Amino acid sequence: VQFVESGGGSVQPGGSLRLSCVASGFDFSAYTMNWYRQAPGKGRELVAVIGNVGGATYYVDSVKGRFTISRDNAKNTVYLQMNSLKPEDTAVYYCAASPFDAWGQGTQVTVSS
């Protein structure tokens, strides 16, 4: 099982980024996919979830209305569109799939003026 995240960068408050995560080593379309983040000095936080069937989604309260999770099963890829970014969104972002205990290198998002 492998995840490769990309799309991070440095943006000003109010800016946007689109993260991508390409998964391999398992039947991507059969599993719920998750985005997590870890800010400096803090634990890993679940940010968004998308189901394998029907695309049901969940968002942590702090990103509701600003972030959108989506997936393309043909490309084994999950996305996180992040709009109206705030400094508190600064973190390393990771994707994951339950029940696999596997993590990629993550992608750094920095929001600063």
PDB file of N, CA and C in Angstrom:
ATOM      1  N   VAL A   1       0.855  -1.190   0.000  1.00  0.00           N
ATOM      2  CA  VAL A   1       0.000   0.000   0.000  1.00  0.00           C
ATOM      3  C   VAL A   1       0.890   1.238   0.000  1.00  0.00           C
ATOM      4  N   GLN A   2       0.591   2.152  -0.899  1.00  0.00           N
ATOM      5  CA  GLN A   2       1.425   3.347  -1.020  1.00  0.00           C
ATOM      6  C   GLN A   2       0.555   4.543  -1.364  1.00  0.00           C
ATOM      7  N   PHE A   3       0.920   5.693  -0.776  1.00  0.00           N
ATOM      8  CA  PHE A   3       0.245   6.957  -1.061  1.00  0.00           C
ATOM      9  C   PHE A   3       1.292   7.999  -1.425  1.00  0.00           C
ATOM     10  N   VAL A   4       1.014   8.760  -2.474  1.00  0.00           N
ATOM     11  CA  VAL A   4       1.911   9.832  -2.885  1.00  0.00           C
ATOM     12  C   VAL A   4       1.103  11.117  -2.995  1.00  0.00           C
ATOM     13  N   GLU A   5       1.360  12.024  -2.032  1.00  0.00           N
ATOM     14  CA  GLU A   5       0.645  13.294  -1.989  1.00  0.00           C
ATOM     15  C   GLU A   5       1.419  14.377  -2.735  1.00  0.00           C
ATOM     16  N   SER A   6       0.693  15.329  -3.304  1.00  0.00           N
ATOM     17  CA  SER A   6       1.312  16.454  -3.997  1.00  0.00           C
ATOM     18  C   SER A   6       0.341  17.628  -4.013  1.00  0.00           C
ATOM     19  N   GLY A   7       0.847  18.786  -4.428  1.00  0.00           N
ATOM     20  CA  GLY A   7       0.005  19.949  -4.602  1.00  0.00           C
ATOM     21  C   GLY A   7       0.121  21.006  -3.525  1.00  0.00           C
ATOM     22  N   GLY A   8       0.900  20.736  -2.485  1.00  0.00           N
ATOM     23  CA  GLY A   8       1.065  21.715  -1.435  1.00  0.00           C
ATOM     24  C   GLY A   8       1.886  22.911  -1.888  1.00  0.00           C
ATOM     25  N   GLY A   9       2.000  23.894  -1.015  1.00  0.00           N
ATOM     26  CA  GLY A   9       2.786  25.078  -1.330  1.00  0.00           C
ATOM     27  C   GLY A   9       2.541  26.166  -0.316  1.00  0.00           C
ATOM     28  N   SER A  10       3.042  27.353  -0.642  1.00  0.00           N
ATOM     29  CA  SER A  10       2.876  28.519   0.225  1.00  0.00           C
ATOM     30  C   SER A  10       1.904  29.491  -0.430  1.00  0.00           C
ATOM     31  N   VAL A  11       0.883  29.885   0.316  1.00  0.00           N
ATOM     32  CA  VAL A  11      -0.113  30.824  -0.198  1.00  0.00           C
ATOM     33  C   VAL A  11      -0.437  31.857   0.865  1.00  0.00           C
ATOM     34  N   GLN A  12      -1.011  32.956   0.428  1.00  0.00           N
ATOM     35  CA  GLN A  12      -1.463  33.985   1.350  1.00  0.00           C
ATOM     36  C   GLN A  12      -2.843  33.618   1.881  1.00  0.00           C
ATOM     37  N   PRO A  13      -3.209  34.170   3.024  1.00  0.00           N
ATOM     38  CA  PRO A  13      -4.562  33.933   3.540  1.00  0.00           C
ATOM     39  C   PRO A  13      -5.605  34.298   2.486  1.00  0.00           C
ATOM     40  N   GLY A  14      -6.628  33.453   2.379  1.00  0.00           N
ATOM     41  CA  GLY A  14      -7.652  33.643   1.364  1.00  0.00           C
ATOM     42  C   GLY A  14      -7.376  32.919   0.061  1.00  0.00           C
ATOM     43  N   GLY A  15      -6.177  32.384  -0.080  1.00  0.00           N
ATOM     44  CA  GLY A  15      -5.811  31.685  -1.300  1.00  0.00           C
ATOM     45  C   GLY A  15      -6.360  30.266  -1.368  1.00  0.00           C
ATOM     46  N   SER A  16      -6.019  29.590  -2.450  1.00  0.00           N
ATOM     47  CA  SER A  16      -6.526  28.231  -2.695  1.00  0.00           C
ATOM     48  C   SER A  16      -5.394  27.303  -3.117  1.00  0.00           C
ATOM     49  N   LEU A  17      -5.563  26.040  -2.795  1.00  0.00           N
ATOM     50  CA  LEU A  17      -4.677  24.981  -3.257  1.00  0.00           C
ATOM     51  C   LEU A  17      -5.511  23.731  -3.526  1.00  0.00           C
ATOM     52  N   ARG A  18      -5.022  22.889  -4.435  1.00  0.00           N
ATOM     53  CA  ARG A  18      -5.675  21.603  -4.676  1.00  0.00           C
ATOM     54  C   ARG A  18      -4.651  20.501  -4.454  1.00  0.00           C
ATOM     55  N   LEU A  19      -4.878  19.691  -3.449  1.00  0.00           N
ATOM     56  CA  LEU A  19      -4.002  18.574  -3.146  1.00  0.00           C
ATOM     57  C   LEU A  19      -4.457  17.327  -3.888  1.00  0.00           C
ATOM     58  N   SER A  20      -3.496  16.498  -4.267  1.00  0.00           N
ATOM     59  CA  SER A  20      -3.785  15.217  -4.911  1.00  0.00           C
ATOM     60  C   SER A  20      -3.067  14.112  -4.160  1.00  0.00           C
ATOM     61  N   CYS A  21      -3.648  12.932  -4.198  1.00  0.00           N
ATOM     62  CA  CYS A  21      -3.013  11.757  -3.595  1.00  0.00           C
ATOM     63  C   CYS A  21      -3.273  10.567  -4.492  1.00  0.00           C
ATOM     64  N   VAL A  22      -2.198   9.999  -5.003  1.00  0.00           N
ATOM     65  CA  VAL A  22      -2.304   8.798  -5.835  1.00  0.00           C
ATOM     66  C   VAL A  22      -2.029   7.581  -4.957  1.00  0.00           C
ATOM     67  N   ALA A  23      -2.962   6.636  -4.965  1.00  0.00           N
ATOM     68  CA  ALA A  23      -2.854   5.433  -4.141  1.00  0.00           C
ATOM     69  C   ALA A  23      -2.536   4.212  -5.004  1.00  0.00           C
ATOM     70  N   SER A  24      -1.855   3.266  -4.408  1.00  0.00           N
ATOM     71  CA  SER A  24      -1.543   2.029  -5.113  1.00  0.00           C
ATOM     72  C   SER A  24      -1.421   0.881  -4.124  1.00  0.00           C
ATOM     73  N   GLY A  25      -1.519  -0.351  -4.626  1.00  0.00           N
ATOM     74  CA  GLY A  25      -1.325  -1.528  -3.789  1.00  0.00           C
ATOM     75  C   GLY A  25      -2.586  -2.117  -3.194  1.00  0.00           C
ATOM     76  N   PHE A  26      -3.737  -1.546  -3.499  1.00  0.00           N
ATOM     77  CA  PHE A  26      -5.002  -2.075  -3.011  1.00  0.00           C
ATOM     78  C   PHE A  26      -6.113  -1.646  -3.978  1.00  0.00           C
ATOM     79  N   ASP A  27      -7.309  -2.216  -3.788  1.00  0.00           N
ATOM     80  CA  ASP A  27      -8.451  -1.900  -4.642  1.00  0.00           C
ATOM     81  C   ASP A  27      -9.031  -0.556  -4.217  1.00  0.00           C
ATOM     82  N   PHE A  28      -8.501   0.505  -4.800  1.00  0.00           N
ATOM     83  CA  PHE A  28      -8.830   1.875  -4.401  1.00  0.00           C
ATOM     84  C   PHE A  28     -10.332   2.115  -4.336  1.00  0.00           C
ATOM     85  N   SER A  29     -11.057   1.650  -5.328  1.00  0.00           N
ATOM     86  CA  SER A  29     -12.484   1.956  -5.421  1.00  0.00           C
ATOM     87  C   SER A  29     -13.305   1.315  -4.299  1.00  0.00           C
ATOM     88  N   ALA A  30     -12.722   0.364  -3.595  1.00  0.00           N
ATOM     89  CA  ALA A  30     -13.462  -0.367  -2.556  1.00  0.00           C
ATOM     90  C   ALA A  30     -13.333   0.255  -1.171  1.00  0.00           C
ATOM     91  N   TYR A  31     -12.528   1.304  -1.034  1.00  0.00           N
ATOM     92  CA  TYR A  31     -12.229   1.830   0.289  1.00  0.00           C
ATOM     93  C   TYR A  31     -12.556   3.305   0.449  1.00  0.00           C
ATOM     94  N   THR A  32     -12.971   3.632   1.659  1.00  0.00           N
ATOM     95  CA  THR A  32     -13.113   5.023   2.058  1.00  0.00           C
ATOM     96  C   THR A  32     -11.739   5.665   2.118  1.00  0.00           C
ATOM     97  N   MET A  33     -11.660   6.899   1.643  1.00  0.00           N
ATOM     98  CA  MET A  33     -10.387   7.627   1.653  1.00  0.00           C
ATOM     99  C   MET A  33     -10.469   8.836   2.589  1.00  0.00           C
ATOM    100  N   ASN A  34      -9.345   9.118   3.229  1.00  0.00           N
ATOM    101  CA  ASN A  34      -9.285  10.172   4.247  1.00  0.00           C
ATOM    102  C   ASN A  34      -8.144  11.139   3.952  1.00  0.00           C
ATOM    103  N   TRP A  35      -8.355  12.381   4.314  1.00  0.00           N
ATOM    104  CA  TRP A  35      -7.265  13.368   4.371  1.00  0.00           C
ATOM    105  C   TRP A  35      -7.052  13.743   5.839  1.00  0.00           C
ATOM    106  N   TYR A  36      -5.783  13.724   6.260  1.00  0.00           N
ATOM    107  CA  TYR A  36      -5.379  14.150   7.594  1.00  0.00           C
ATOM    108  C   TYR A  36      -4.410  15.320   7.448  1.00  0.00           C
ATOM    109  N   ARG A  37      -4.186  16.004   8.550  1.00  0.00           N
ATOM    110  CA  ARG A  37      -3.135  17.023   8.594  1.00  0.00           C
ATOM    111  C   ARG A  37      -2.482  17.018   9.954  1.00  0.00           C
ATOM    112  N   GLN A  38      -1.215  17.463   9.960  1.00  0.00           N
ATOM    113  CA  GLN A  38      -0.472  17.579  11.211  1.00  0.00           C
ATOM    114  C   GLN A  38       0.256  18.901  11.226  1.00  0.00           C
ATOM    115  N   ALA A  39      -0.163  19.761  12.131  1.00  0.00           N
ATOM    116  CA  ALA A  39       0.464  21.062  12.298  1.00  0.00           C
ATOM    117  C   ALA A  39       1.673  20.920  13.212  1.00  0.00           C
ATOM    118  N   PRO A  40       2.618  21.854  13.139  1.00  0.00           N
ATOM    119  CA  PRO A  40       3.812  21.782  13.989  1.00  0.00           C
ATOM    120  C   PRO A  40       3.456  21.671  15.469  1.00  0.00           C
ATOM    121  N   GLY A  41       4.014  20.676  16.145  1.00  0.00           N
ATOM    122  CA  GLY A  41       3.790  20.515  17.574  1.00  0.00           C
ATOM    123  C   GLY A  41       2.442  19.943  17.960  1.00  0.00           C
ATOM    124  N   LYS A  42       1.662  19.501  16.969  1.00  0.00           N
ATOM    125  CA  LYS A  42       0.331  18.958  17.253  1.00  0.00           C
ATOM    126  C   LYS A  42       0.194  17.548  16.696  1.00  0.00           C
ATOM    127  N   GLY A  43      -0.850  16.858  17.140  1.00  0.00           N
ATOM    128  CA  GLY A  43      -1.119  15.517  16.654  1.00  0.00           C
ATOM    129  C   GLY A  43      -1.785  15.531  15.289  1.00  0.00           C
ATOM    130  N   ARG A  44      -1.902  14.363  14.695  1.00  0.00           N
ATOM    131  CA  ARG A  44      -2.522  14.241  13.390  1.00  0.00           C
ATOM    132  C   ARG A  44      -4.037  14.384  13.527  1.00  0.00           C
ATOM    133  N   GLU A  45      -4.635  15.168  12.646  1.00  0.00           N
ATOM    134  CA  GLU A  45      -6.070  15.491  12.707  1.00  0.00           C
ATOM    135  C   GLU A  45      -6.771  15.036  11.434  1.00  0.00           C
ATOM    136  N   LEU A  46      -7.903  14.350  11.605  1.00  0.00           N
ATOM    137  CA  LEU A  46      -8.713  13.967  10.456  1.00  0.00           C
ATOM    138  C   LEU A  46      -9.423  15.205   9.916  1.00  0.00           C
ATOM    139  N   VAL A  47      -9.263  15.474   8.624  1.00  0.00           N
ATOM    140  CA  VAL A  47      -9.807  16.680   8.006  1.00  0.00           C
ATOM    141  C   VAL A  47     -11.049  16.374   7.171  1.00  0.00           C
ATOM    142  N   ALA A  48     -10.984  15.344   6.337  1.00  0.00           N
ATOM    143  CA  ALA A  48     -12.083  15.052   5.416  1.00  0.00           C
ATOM    144  C   ALA A  48     -12.078  13.572   5.060  1.00  0.00           C
ATOM    145  N   VAL A  49     -13.275  13.068   4.747  1.00  0.00           N
ATOM    146  CA  VAL A  49     -13.463  11.667   4.412  1.00  0.00           C
ATOM    147  C   VAL A  49     -14.411  11.576   3.224  1.00  0.00           C
ATOM    148  N   ILE A  50     -14.158  10.610   2.328  1.00  0.00           N
ATOM    149  CA  ILE A  50     -15.080  10.348   1.237  1.00  0.00           C
ATOM    150  C   ILE A  50     -15.301   8.847   1.127  1.00  0.00           C
ATOM    151  N   GLY A  51     -16.545   8.450   1.078  1.00  0.00           N
ATOM    152  CA  GLY A  51     -16.901   7.054   0.996  1.00  0.00           C
ATOM    153  C   GLY A  51     -16.570   6.460  -0.362  1.00  0.00           C
ATOM    154  N   ASN A  52     -16.540   5.109  -0.373  1.00  0.00           N
ATOM    155  CA  ASN A  52     -16.205   4.438  -1.623  1.00  0.00           C
ATOM    156  C   ASN A  52     -17.403   4.333  -2.550  1.00  0.00           C
ATOM    157  N   VAL A  53     -18.582   4.317  -1.972  1.00  0.00           N
ATOM    158  CA  VAL A  53     -19.799   4.178  -2.771  1.00  0.00           C
ATOM    159  C   VAL A  53     -20.682   5.387  -2.524  1.00  0.00           C
ATOM    160  N   GLY A  54     -21.069   6.054  -3.578  1.00  0.00           N
ATOM    161  CA  GLY A  54     -21.974   7.191  -3.427  1.00  0.00           C
ATOM    162  C   GLY A  54     -21.289   8.488  -3.072  1.00  0.00           C
ATOM    163  N   GLY A  55     -20.025   8.409  -2.680  1.00  0.00           N
ATOM    164  CA  GLY A  55     -19.269   9.620  -2.423  1.00  0.00           C
ATOM    165  C   GLY A  55     -19.689  10.410  -1.200  1.00  0.00           C
ATOM    166  N   ALA A  56     -20.283   9.737  -0.199  1.00  0.00           N
ATOM    167  CA  ALA A  56     -20.643  10.455   1.026  1.00  0.00           C
ATOM    168  C   ALA A  56     -19.398  11.076   1.635  1.00  0.00           C
ATOM    169  N   THR A  57     -19.539  12.284   2.160  1.00  0.00           N
ATOM    170  CA  THR A  57     -18.392  13.012   2.680  1.00  0.00           C
ATOM    171  C   THR A  57     -18.600  13.449   4.121  1.00  0.00           C
ATOM    172  N   TYR A  58     -17.448  13.678   4.789  1.00  0.00           N
ATOM    173  CA  TYR A  58     -17.421  14.213   6.140  1.00  0.00           C
ATOM    174  C   TYR A  58     -16.291  15.233   6.188  1.00  0.00           C
ATOM    175  N   TYR A  59     -16.529  16.339   6.952  1.00  0.00           N
ATOM    176  CA  TYR A  59     -15.504  17.355   7.149  1.00  0.00           C
ATOM    177  C   TYR A  59     -15.442  17.736   8.619  1.00  0.00           C
ATOM    178  N   VAL A  60     -14.238  17.975   9.104  1.00  0.00           N
ATOM    179  CA  VAL A  60     -14.099  18.536  10.439  1.00  0.00           C
ATOM    180  C   VAL A  60     -14.683  19.952  10.418  1.00  0.00           C
ATOM    181  N   ASP A  61     -15.245  20.385  11.502  1.00  0.00           N
ATOM    182  CA  ASP A  61     -15.967  21.659  11.531  1.00  0.00           C
ATOM    183  C   ASP A  61     -15.119  22.831  11.032  1.00  0.00           C
ATOM    184  N   SER A  62     -13.843  22.820  11.328  1.00  0.00           N
ATOM    185  CA  SER A  62     -12.991  23.965  11.014  1.00  0.00           C
ATOM    186  C   SER A  62     -12.781  24.181   9.506  1.00  0.00           C
ATOM    187  N   VAL A  63     -13.111  23.177   8.681  1.00  0.00           N
ATOM    188  CA  VAL A  63     -12.900  23.331   7.232  1.00  0.00           C
ATOM    189  C   VAL A  63     -14.205  23.287   6.447  1.00  0.00           C
ATOM    190  N   LYS A  64     -15.301  23.057   7.115  1.00  0.00           N
ATOM    191  CA  LYS A  64     -16.592  22.982   6.417  1.00  0.00           C
ATOM    192  C   LYS A  64     -16.866  24.271   5.643  1.00  0.00           C
ATOM    193  N   GLY A  65     -17.308  24.106   4.400  1.00  0.00           N
ATOM    194  CA  GLY A  65     -17.610  25.248   3.553  1.00  0.00           C
ATOM    195  C   GLY A  65     -16.406  25.817   2.827  1.00  0.00           C
ATOM    196  N   ARG A  66     -15.204  25.343   3.186  1.00  0.00           N
ATOM    197  CA  ARG A  66     -13.978  25.839   2.549  1.00  0.00           C
ATOM    198  C   ARG A  66     -13.234  24.732   1.774  1.00  0.00           C
ATOM    199  N   PHE A  67     -13.279  23.521   2.292  1.00  0.00           N
ATOM    200  CA  PHE A  67     -12.570  22.394   1.672  1.00  0.00           C
ATOM    201  C   PHE A  67     -13.582  21.451   1.015  1.00  0.00           C
ATOM    202  N   THR A  68     -13.159  20.824  -0.084  1.00  0.00           N
ATOM    203  CA  THR A  68     -13.988  19.821  -0.768  1.00  0.00           C
ATOM    204  C   THR A  68     -13.141  18.607  -1.114  1.00  0.00           C
ATOM    205  N   ILE A  69     -13.574  17.442  -0.650  1.00  0.00           N
ATOM    206  CA  ILE A  69     -12.882  16.199  -0.978  1.00  0.00           C
ATOM    207  C   ILE A  69     -13.603  15.536  -2.150  1.00  0.00           C
ATOM    208  N   SER A  70     -12.814  14.951  -3.049  1.00  0.00           N
ATOM    209  CA  SER A  70     -13.389  14.233  -4.190  1.00  0.00           C
ATOM    210  C   SER A  70     -12.450  13.099  -4.562  1.00  0.00           C
ATOM    211  N   ARG A  71     -12.920  12.206  -5.438  1.00  0.00           N
ATOM    212  CA  ARG A  71     -12.079  11.084  -5.839  1.00  0.00           C
ATOM    213  C   ARG A  71     -12.337  10.734  -7.295  1.00  0.00           C
ATOM    214  N   ASP A  72     -11.314  10.161  -7.916  1.00  0.00           N
ATOM    215  CA  ASP A  72     -11.421   9.635  -9.273  1.00  0.00           C
ATOM    216  C   ASP A  72     -10.937   8.187  -9.219  1.00  0.00           C
ATOM    217  N   ASN A  73     -11.886   7.262  -9.174  1.00  0.00           N
ATOM    218  CA  ASN A  73     -11.513   5.856  -9.014  1.00  0.00           C
ATOM    219  C   ASN A  73     -10.744   5.324 -10.220  1.00  0.00           C
ATOM    220  N   ALA A  74     -10.966   5.898 -11.398  1.00  0.00           N
ATOM    221  CA  ALA A  74     -10.239   5.460 -12.587  1.00  0.00           C
ATOM    222  C   ALA A  74      -8.752   5.808 -12.498  1.00  0.00           C
ATOM    223  N   LYS A  75      -8.444   6.834 -11.719  1.00  0.00           N
ATOM    224  CA  LYS A  75      -7.057   7.283 -11.576  1.00  0.00           C
ATOM    225  C   LYS A  75      -6.468   6.932 -10.214  1.00  0.00           C
ATOM    226  N   ASN A  76      -7.221   6.202  -9.390  1.00  0.00           N
ATOM    227  CA  ASN A  76      -6.751   5.871  -8.026  1.00  0.00           C
ATOM    228  C   ASN A  76      -6.296   7.123  -7.281  1.00  0.00           C
ATOM    229  N   THR A  77      -7.045   8.189  -7.420  1.00  0.00           N
ATOM    230  CA  THR A  77      -6.626   9.478  -6.881  1.00  0.00           C
ATOM    231  C   THR A  77      -7.744  10.104  -6.062  1.00  0.00           C
ATOM    232  N   VAL A  78      -7.352  10.671  -4.930  1.00  0.00           N
ATOM    233  CA  VAL A  78      -8.263  11.467  -4.106  1.00  0.00           C
ATOM    234  C   VAL A  78      -7.718  12.890  -4.052  1.00  0.00           C
ATOM    235  N   TYR A  79      -8.629  13.847  -4.047  1.00  0.00           N
ATOM    236  CA  TYR A  79      -8.265  15.265  -4.101  1.00  0.00           C
ATOM    237  C   TYR A  79      -8.796  15.996  -2.866  1.00  0.00           C
ATOM    238  N   LEU A  80      -8.176  17.114  -2.557  1.00  0.00           N
ATOM    239  CA  LEU A  80      -8.678  18.010  -1.529  1.00  0.00           C
ATOM    240  C   LEU A  80      -8.548  19.426  -2.063  1.00  0.00           C
ATOM    241  N   GLN A  81      -9.673  20.020  -2.448  1.00  0.00           N
ATOM    242  CA  GLN A  81      -9.702  21.411  -2.886  1.00  0.00           C
ATOM    243  C   GLN A  81      -9.844  22.285  -1.652  1.00  0.00           C
ATOM    244  N   MET A  82      -8.898  23.174  -1.455  1.00  0.00           N
ATOM    245  CA  MET A  82      -8.881  24.020  -0.272  1.00  0.00           C
ATOM    246  C   MET A  82      -9.003  25.472  -0.689  1.00  0.00           C
ATOM    247  N   ASN A  83     -10.073  26.116  -0.297  1.00  0.00           N
ATOM    248  CA  ASN A  83     -10.322  27.530  -0.605  1.00  0.00           C
ATOM    249  C   ASN A  83     -10.340  28.352   0.678  1.00  0.00           C
ATOM    250  N   SER A  84     -10.247  29.644   0.523  1.00  0.00           N
ATOM    251  CA  SER A  84     -10.292  30.565   1.675  1.00  0.00           C
ATOM    252  C   SER A  84      -9.348  30.103   2.785  1.00  0.00           C
ATOM    253  N   LEU A  85      -8.131  29.803   2.413  1.00  0.00           N
ATOM    254  CA  LEU A  85      -7.178  29.254   3.366  1.00  0.00           C
ATOM    255  C   LEU A  85      -6.845  30.260   4.462  1.00  0.00           C
ATOM    256  N   LYS A  86      -6.613  29.710   5.661  1.00  0.00           N
ATOM    257  CA  LYS A  86      -6.298  30.510   6.837  1.00  0.00           C
ATOM    258  C   LYS A  86      -4.935  30.074   7.372  1.00  0.00           C
ATOM    259  N   PRO A  87      -4.270  30.935   8.136  1.00  0.00           N
ATOM    260  CA  PRO A  87      -2.971  30.541   8.715  1.00  0.00           C
ATOM    261  C   PRO A  87      -3.066  29.256   9.544  1.00  0.00           C
ATOM    262  N   GLU A  88      -4.192  29.039  10.200  1.00  0.00           N
ATOM    263  CA  GLU A  88      -4.347  27.828  11.006  1.00  0.00           C
ATOM    264  C   GLU A  88      -4.492  26.553  10.169  1.00  0.00           C
ATOM    265  N   ASP A  89      -4.577  26.682   8.851  1.00  0.00           N
ATOM    266  CA  ASP A  89      -4.574  25.509   7.976  1.00  0.00           C
ATOM    267  C   ASP A  89      -3.155  25.026   7.682  1.00  0.00           C
ATOM    268  N   THR A  90      -2.153  25.773   8.121  1.00  0.00           N
ATOM    269  CA  THR A  90      -0.763  25.391   7.903  1.00  0.00           C
ATOM    270  C   THR A  90      -0.473  24.053   8.559  1.00  0.00           C
ATOM    271  N   ALA A  91       0.002  23.094   7.755  1.00  0.00           N
ATOM    272  CA  ALA A  91       0.243  21.735   8.251  1.00  0.00           C
ATOM    273  C   ALA A  91       0.817  20.902   7.116  1.00  0.00           C
ATOM    274  N   VAL A  92       1.272  19.714   7.467  1.00  0.00           N
ATOM    275  CA  VAL A  92       1.566  18.691   6.468  1.00  0.00           C
ATOM    276  C   VAL A  92       0.295  17.871   6.281  1.00  0.00           C
ATOM    277  N   TYR A  93      -0.108  17.694   5.026  1.00  0.00           N
ATOM    278  CA  TYR A  93      -1.351  16.988   4.717  1.00  0.00           C
ATOM    279  C   TYR A  93      -1.029  15.602   4.174  1.00  0.00           C
ATOM    280  N   TYR A  94      -1.765  14.613   4.691  1.00  0.00           N
ATOM    281  CA  TYR A  94      -1.571  13.224   4.305  1.00  0.00           C
ATOM    282  C   TYR A  94      -2.906  12.610   3.872  1.00  0.00           C
ATOM    283  N   CYS A  95      -2.847  11.651   2.955  1.00  0.00           N
ATOM    284  CA  CYS A  95      -4.038  10.854   2.699  1.00  0.00           C
ATOM    285  C   CYS A  95      -3.821   9.461   3.281  1.00  0.00           C
ATOM    286  N   ALA A  96      -4.933   8.774   3.496  1.00  0.00           N
ATOM    287  CA  ALA A  96      -4.878   7.432   4.076  1.00  0.00           C
ATOM    288  C   ALA A  96      -6.172   6.704   3.757  1.00  0.00           C
ATOM    289  N   ALA A  97      -6.133   5.397   3.955  1.00  0.00           N
ATOM    290  CA  ALA A  97      -7.321   4.564   3.740  1.00  0.00           C
ATOM    291  C   ALA A  97      -7.411   3.552   4.865  1.00  0.00           C
ATOM    292  N   SER A  98      -8.518   3.574   5.580  1.00  0.00           N
ATOM    293  CA  SER A  98      -8.742   2.562   6.617  1.00  0.00           C
ATOM    294  C   SER A  98      -8.998   1.222   5.964  1.00  0.00           C
ATOM    295  N   PRO A  99      -8.494   0.098   6.454  1.00  0.00           N
ATOM    296  CA  PRO A  99      -7.767  -0.069   7.714  1.00  0.00           C
ATOM    297  C   PRO A  99      -6.249  -0.093   7.568  1.00  0.00           C
ATOM    298  N   PHE A 100      -5.745   0.394   6.425  1.00  0.00           N
ATOM    299  CA  PHE A 100      -4.314   0.278   6.179  1.00  0.00           C
ATOM    300  C   PHE A 100      -3.516   1.256   7.049  1.00  0.00           C
ATOM    301  N   ASP A 101      -2.507   0.736   7.705  1.00  0.00           N
ATOM    302  CA  ASP A 101      -1.612   1.570   8.500  1.00  0.00           C
ATOM    303  C   ASP A 101      -0.417   1.943   7.648  1.00  0.00           C
ATOM    304  N   ALA A 102      -0.699   2.786   6.651  1.00  0.00           N
ATOM    305  CA  ALA A 102       0.339   3.204   5.719  1.00  0.00           C
ATOM    306  C   ALA A 102       0.213   4.692   5.491  1.00  0.00           C
ATOM    307  N   TRP A 103       1.348   5.368   5.398  1.00  0.00           N
ATOM    308  CA  TRP A 103       1.351   6.815   5.231  1.00  0.00           C
ATOM    309  C   TRP A 103       2.374   7.205   4.177  1.00  0.00           C
ATOM    310  N   GLY A 104       2.033   8.229   3.398  1.00  0.00           N
ATOM    311  CA  GLY A 104       2.969   8.787   2.445  1.00  0.00           C
ATOM    312  C   GLY A 104       3.855   9.821   3.108  1.00  0.00           C
ATOM    313  N   GLN A 105       4.574  10.556   2.281  1.00  0.00           N
ATOM    314  CA  GLN A 105       5.481  11.579   2.810  1.00  0.00           C
ATOM    315  C   GLN A 105       4.748  12.862   3.167  1.00  0.00           C
ATOM    316  N   GLY A 106       3.517  12.980   2.712  1.00  0.00           N
ATOM    317  CA  GLY A 106       2.737  14.181   2.969  1.00  0.00           C
ATOM    318  C   GLY A 106       3.130  15.316   2.048  1.00  0.00           C
ATOM    319  N   THR A 107       2.326  16.379   2.083  1.00  0.00           N
ATOM    320  CA  THR A 107       2.615  17.574   1.305  1.00  0.00           C
ATOM    321  C   THR A 107       2.398  18.789   2.193  1.00  0.00           C
ATOM    322  N   GLN A 108       3.368  19.685   2.208  1.00  0.00           N
ATOM    323  CA  GLN A 108       3.351  20.839   3.127  1.00  0.00           C
ATOM    324  C   GLN A 108       2.468  21.957   2.575  1.00  0.00           C
ATOM    325  N   VAL A 109       1.581  22.435   3.408  1.00  0.00           N
ATOM    326  CA  VAL A 109       0.761  23.610   3.098  1.00  0.00           C
ATOM    327  C   VAL A 109       1.099  24.694   4.108  1.00  0.00           C
ATOM    328  N   THR A 110       1.504  25.859   3.612  1.00  0.00           N
ATOM    329  CA  THR A 110       1.845  26.990   4.468  1.00  0.00           C
ATOM    330  C   THR A 110       1.006  28.188   4.050  1.00  0.00           C
ATOM    331  N   VAL A 111       0.261  28.724   4.994  1.00  0.00           N
ATOM    332  CA  VAL A 111      -0.597  29.885   4.735  1.00  0.00           C
ATOM    333  C   VAL A 111      -0.078  31.040   5.575  1.00  0.00           C
ATOM    334  N   SER A 112       0.453  32.032   4.907  1.00  0.00           N
ATOM    335  CA  SER A 112       1.086  33.132   5.620  1.00  0.00           C
ATOM    336  C   SER A 112       1.099  34.375   4.750  1.00  0.00           C
ATOM    337  N   SER A 113       0.980  35.532   5.410  1.00  0.00           N
ATOM    338  CA  SER A 113       1.070  36.786   4.675  1.00  0.00           C
ATOM    339  C   SER A 113       2.500  37.310   4.693  1.00  0.00           C
TER     340      SER A 113
END
